[in-house]
């Protein structure tokens, strides 16, 4: 659950940083890139934990939780942005 929550927040934050009003036509492309970033970054961290860091271990379940969190973050981003009282 922690991995899902962390990567959910990472992808919502990335979407918030990337999206502008002019990019309505590229939503699918941006969503795919954000999810791919989350998957690759999460995989890279798990590889580092397995091979480099002491007292840490890489885990496939953590990797899948990272990917799920990144995907959920992209899916809920439109709802989150409607709740925030910001002008964009």
N, C-alpha and C. Protein backbone atom coordinates (compact mmCIF):
# COMPACT_ATOMS: atom_id res chain seq x y z
N UNK A 1 0.82 -1.20 0.00
CA UNK A 1 0.00 0.00 0.00
C UNK A 1 0.87 1.26 0.00
N UNK A 2 2.00 1.18 0.69
CA UNK A 2 2.88 2.35 0.74
C UNK A 2 3.44 2.65 -0.65
N UNK A 3 3.86 1.61 -1.35
CA UNK A 3 4.41 1.81 -2.70
C UNK A 3 3.34 2.38 -3.64
N UNK A 4 2.13 1.87 -3.54
CA UNK A 4 1.05 2.39 -4.38
C UNK A 4 0.82 3.87 -4.07
N UNK A 5 0.76 4.22 -2.80
CA UNK A 5 0.54 5.61 -2.42
C UNK A 5 1.65 6.55 -2.87
N UNK A 6 2.89 6.11 -2.73
CA UNK A 6 4.02 6.95 -3.13
C UNK A 6 4.01 7.19 -4.63
N UNK A 7 3.85 6.14 -5.42
CA UNK A 7 3.89 6.30 -6.86
C UNK A 7 2.63 6.95 -7.40
N UNK A 8 1.52 6.83 -6.70
CA UNK A 8 0.32 7.58 -7.05
C UNK A 8 0.61 9.08 -6.93
N UNK A 9 1.23 9.47 -5.83
CA UNK A 9 1.55 10.89 -5.63
C UNK A 9 2.60 11.37 -6.64
N UNK A 10 3.55 10.53 -6.97
CA UNK A 10 4.56 10.91 -7.97
C UNK A 10 3.90 11.18 -9.31
N UNK A 11 3.00 10.31 -9.74
CA UNK A 11 2.39 10.51 -11.06
C UNK A 11 1.41 11.68 -11.06
N UNK A 12 0.68 11.89 -9.97
CA UNK A 12 -0.21 13.07 -9.91
C UNK A 12 0.64 14.34 -9.96
N UNK A 13 1.74 14.35 -9.24
CA UNK A 13 2.62 15.52 -9.25
C UNK A 13 3.23 15.75 -10.62
N UNK A 14 3.67 14.69 -11.28
CA UNK A 14 4.20 14.83 -12.64
C UNK A 14 3.14 15.35 -13.60
N UNK A 15 1.94 14.82 -13.52
CA UNK A 15 0.86 15.31 -14.38
C UNK A 15 0.59 16.79 -14.11
N UNK A 16 0.56 17.16 -12.86
CA UNK A 16 0.33 18.55 -12.49
C UNK A 16 1.42 19.45 -13.06
N UNK A 17 2.66 18.98 -13.04
CA UNK A 17 3.78 19.77 -13.55
C UNK A 17 3.79 19.86 -15.07
N UNK A 18 3.31 18.83 -15.76
CA UNK A 18 3.41 18.77 -17.22
C UNK A 18 2.22 19.40 -17.92
N UNK A 19 1.03 19.15 -17.40
CA UNK A 19 -0.17 19.60 -18.10
C UNK A 19 -0.30 21.11 -18.11
N UNK A 20 -0.72 21.63 -19.24
CA UNK A 20 -1.16 23.02 -19.35
C UNK A 20 -2.47 22.99 -20.14
N UNK A 21 -3.12 24.10 -20.23
CA UNK A 21 -4.39 24.13 -20.96
C UNK A 21 -4.22 23.84 -22.44
N UNK A 22 -3.06 24.17 -23.00
CA UNK A 22 -2.83 23.97 -24.42
C UNK A 22 -2.56 22.51 -24.76
N UNK A 23 -2.31 21.67 -23.79
CA UNK A 23 -1.93 20.29 -24.06
C UNK A 23 -3.11 19.32 -23.98
N UNK A 24 -4.30 19.79 -24.21
CA UNK A 24 -5.47 18.92 -24.17
C UNK A 24 -5.40 17.84 -25.25
N UNK A 25 -4.76 18.14 -26.38
CA UNK A 25 -4.69 17.17 -27.48
C UNK A 25 -3.69 16.05 -27.18
N UNK A 26 -2.75 16.27 -26.28
CA UNK A 26 -1.70 15.30 -26.01
C UNK A 26 -1.91 14.55 -24.70
N UNK A 27 -3.12 14.50 -24.19
CA UNK A 27 -3.36 13.88 -22.89
C UNK A 27 -2.94 12.42 -22.86
N UNK A 28 -3.29 11.67 -23.86
CA UNK A 28 -2.94 10.25 -23.89
C UNK A 28 -1.43 10.06 -23.90
N UNK A 29 -0.75 10.84 -24.71
CA UNK A 29 0.70 10.75 -24.80
C UNK A 29 1.36 11.08 -23.46
N UNK A 30 0.89 12.13 -22.81
CA UNK A 30 1.44 12.53 -21.52
C UNK A 30 1.15 11.46 -20.47
N UNK A 31 -0.07 10.93 -20.46
CA UNK A 31 -0.43 9.88 -19.50
C UNK A 31 0.46 8.66 -19.66
N UNK A 32 0.68 8.25 -20.90
CA UNK A 32 1.53 7.08 -21.16
C UNK A 32 2.96 7.36 -20.70
N UNK A 33 3.47 8.54 -20.99
CA UNK A 33 4.83 8.88 -20.57
C UNK A 33 4.98 8.91 -19.05
N UNK A 34 3.99 9.44 -18.36
CA UNK A 34 4.04 9.49 -16.90
C UNK A 34 4.00 8.08 -16.31
N UNK A 35 3.14 7.22 -16.83
CA UNK A 35 3.08 5.84 -16.34
C UNK A 35 4.38 5.12 -16.63
N UNK A 36 4.92 5.29 -17.84
CA UNK A 36 6.20 4.65 -18.18
C UNK A 36 7.33 5.14 -17.29
N UNK A 37 7.33 6.44 -16.98
CA UNK A 37 8.34 6.95 -16.06
C UNK A 37 8.22 6.28 -14.70
N UNK A 38 7.01 6.16 -14.19
CA UNK A 38 6.81 5.51 -12.90
C UNK A 38 7.24 4.06 -12.92
N UNK A 39 6.93 3.35 -14.00
CA UNK A 39 7.29 1.93 -14.10
C UNK A 39 8.81 1.78 -14.17
N UNK A 40 9.45 2.56 -15.04
CA UNK A 40 10.90 2.44 -15.19
C UNK A 40 11.64 2.90 -13.94
N UNK A 41 11.19 3.99 -13.35
CA UNK A 41 11.84 4.48 -12.13
C UNK A 41 11.67 3.48 -10.99
N UNK A 42 10.47 2.95 -10.85
CA UNK A 42 10.22 1.94 -9.81
C UNK A 42 11.05 0.69 -10.03
N UNK A 43 11.15 0.25 -11.29
CA UNK A 43 11.98 -0.91 -11.60
C UNK A 43 13.44 -0.66 -11.33
N UNK A 44 13.91 0.53 -11.68
CA UNK A 44 15.30 0.89 -11.43
C UNK A 44 15.60 0.90 -9.94
N UNK A 45 14.70 1.44 -9.14
CA UNK A 45 14.90 1.46 -7.69
C UNK A 45 14.94 0.04 -7.11
N UNK A 46 14.08 -0.83 -7.63
CA UNK A 46 14.09 -2.22 -7.14
C UNK A 46 15.37 -2.94 -7.53
N UNK A 47 15.89 -2.68 -8.72
CA UNK A 47 17.17 -3.26 -9.14
C UNK A 47 18.29 -2.75 -8.25
N UNK A 48 18.30 -1.45 -7.99
CA UNK A 48 19.33 -0.89 -7.10
C UNK A 48 19.24 -1.50 -5.71
N UNK A 49 18.05 -1.67 -5.20
CA UNK A 49 17.90 -2.26 -3.87
C UNK A 49 18.40 -3.69 -3.84
N UNK A 50 18.20 -4.41 -4.91
CA UNK A 50 18.62 -5.81 -4.96
C UNK A 50 20.13 -5.97 -5.09
N UNK A 51 20.75 -5.13 -5.93
CA UNK A 51 22.16 -5.34 -6.25
C UNK A 51 23.13 -4.38 -5.56
N UNK A 52 22.70 -3.20 -5.19
CA UNK A 52 23.62 -2.18 -4.70
C UNK A 52 23.51 -1.93 -3.19
N UNK A 53 22.31 -1.64 -2.72
CA UNK A 53 22.14 -1.20 -1.34
C UNK A 53 22.26 -2.36 -0.36
N UNK A 54 22.90 -2.07 0.76
CA UNK A 54 23.04 -3.06 1.82
C UNK A 54 21.78 -3.03 2.68
N UNK A 55 21.37 -4.17 3.16
CA UNK A 55 20.17 -4.31 4.01
C UNK A 55 18.89 -3.93 3.29
N UNK A 56 18.88 -4.00 1.98
CA UNK A 56 17.67 -3.76 1.19
C UNK A 56 17.53 -4.91 0.21
N UNK A 57 16.32 -5.19 -0.20
CA UNK A 57 16.13 -6.26 -1.18
C UNK A 57 15.09 -5.81 -2.20
N UNK A 58 15.36 -6.12 -3.45
CA UNK A 58 14.41 -5.84 -4.51
C UNK A 58 13.28 -6.86 -4.46
N UNK A 59 12.10 -6.44 -4.85
CA UNK A 59 10.94 -7.30 -4.72
C UNK A 59 10.01 -7.08 -5.91
N UNK A 60 9.56 -8.17 -6.54
CA UNK A 60 8.63 -8.05 -7.66
C UNK A 60 7.30 -7.45 -7.23
N UNK A 61 6.86 -7.77 -6.04
CA UNK A 61 5.59 -7.22 -5.56
C UNK A 61 5.67 -5.70 -5.42
N UNK A 62 6.82 -5.22 -4.95
CA UNK A 62 7.02 -3.77 -4.86
C UNK A 62 7.01 -3.14 -6.25
N UNK A 63 7.64 -3.80 -7.20
CA UNK A 63 7.66 -3.30 -8.57
C UNK A 63 6.24 -3.18 -9.13
N UNK A 64 5.44 -4.22 -8.94
CA UNK A 64 4.06 -4.19 -9.43
C UNK A 64 3.23 -3.14 -8.69
N UNK A 65 3.49 -2.97 -7.40
CA UNK A 65 2.78 -1.93 -6.64
C UNK A 65 3.17 -0.54 -7.14
N UNK A 66 4.43 -0.34 -7.50
CA UNK A 66 4.86 0.93 -8.08
C UNK A 66 4.12 1.22 -9.38
N UNK A 67 4.03 0.21 -10.24
CA UNK A 67 3.35 0.38 -11.52
C UNK A 67 1.86 0.65 -11.33
N UNK A 68 1.24 -0.04 -10.40
CA UNK A 68 -0.18 0.17 -10.12
C UNK A 68 -0.41 1.57 -9.58
N UNK A 69 0.45 2.02 -8.68
CA UNK A 69 0.31 3.37 -8.13
C UNK A 69 0.47 4.45 -9.19
N UNK A 70 1.43 4.27 -10.10
CA UNK A 70 1.62 5.24 -11.18
C UNK A 70 0.40 5.28 -12.09
N UNK A 71 -0.16 4.13 -12.38
CA UNK A 71 -1.34 4.06 -13.24
C UNK A 71 -2.56 4.69 -12.57
N UNK A 72 -2.78 4.39 -11.31
CA UNK A 72 -3.92 4.97 -10.59
C UNK A 72 -3.77 6.49 -10.49
N UNK A 73 -2.55 6.97 -10.29
CA UNK A 73 -2.31 8.40 -10.21
C UNK A 73 -2.71 9.13 -11.48
N UNK A 74 -2.39 8.54 -12.63
CA UNK A 74 -2.78 9.14 -13.91
C UNK A 74 -4.29 9.10 -14.10
N UNK A 75 -4.90 8.02 -13.63
CA UNK A 75 -6.34 7.88 -13.78
C UNK A 75 -7.09 8.89 -12.91
N UNK A 76 -6.63 9.11 -11.69
CA UNK A 76 -7.37 10.01 -10.80
C UNK A 76 -6.95 11.47 -10.93
N UNK A 77 -5.92 11.76 -11.72
CA UNK A 77 -5.47 13.15 -11.87
C UNK A 77 -6.59 14.11 -12.26
N UNK A 78 -7.44 13.79 -13.24
CA UNK A 78 -8.51 14.74 -13.59
C UNK A 78 -9.44 15.06 -12.42
N UNK A 79 -9.67 14.09 -11.55
CA UNK A 79 -10.53 14.32 -10.39
C UNK A 79 -9.82 15.17 -9.33
N UNK A 80 -8.54 14.93 -9.17
CA UNK A 80 -7.75 15.68 -8.19
C UNK A 80 -7.66 17.14 -8.60
N UNK A 81 -7.42 17.40 -9.87
CA UNK A 81 -7.26 18.78 -10.33
C UNK A 81 -8.57 19.56 -10.20
N UNK A 82 -9.71 18.87 -10.30
CA UNK A 82 -10.99 19.55 -10.11
C UNK A 82 -11.23 19.92 -8.65
N UNK A 83 -10.63 19.16 -7.73
CA UNK A 83 -10.81 19.45 -6.31
C UNK A 83 -9.91 20.58 -5.81
N UNK A 84 -8.80 20.80 -6.49
CA UNK A 84 -7.86 21.84 -6.06
C UNK A 84 -8.34 23.21 -6.52
N UNK A 85 -8.32 24.18 -5.63
CA UNK A 85 -8.79 25.52 -6.00
C UNK A 85 -7.70 26.34 -6.68
N UNK A 86 -7.21 25.85 -7.82
CA UNK A 86 -6.15 26.54 -8.54
C UNK A 86 -6.63 26.98 -9.89
N UNK A 87 -6.12 28.10 -10.36
CA UNK A 87 -6.41 28.55 -11.72
C UNK A 87 -5.26 28.09 -12.60
N UNK A 88 -5.59 27.36 -13.65
CA UNK A 88 -4.55 26.87 -14.57
C UNK A 88 -4.86 27.35 -15.95
